Amino acid sequence: MYSDPNRNLKSIFFTPEQVSVVALAFDSVCKDLQIELSSTRAREIVAQQVIGKARANFPDADKIRAATLGALGLSAERFMNPLKFSSIFSDL
């Protein structure tokens, strides 16, 4: 079931170290999913999921990345394969 991680975004506070971890996780997921900079809606969806996972105290960027991909119905192992694939966000 999808929960809206955006519901309490105004009450989120991260330390500078946590911001670095969140940014790394976000960039990793966007790279994994081949999301272009111009894909605003897709990036927003990923950002909401990454922030939600960071708020849930996932300890590092790799765990946030894996949990975010899982929330999107994907497996982190899928992206260990160097073969290219079509982005799941190609329609956004």
Foldseek 3Di string as FASTA:
>chain_A
DDDFLPPPVVPDDDDPVLVVQLVLLLVVLCVLLVPDPPLVVVSVLLSSQLVSVVVVVPPGSVSSNQSSCVSVVHGPVVSVDPDDDHHPSPPD
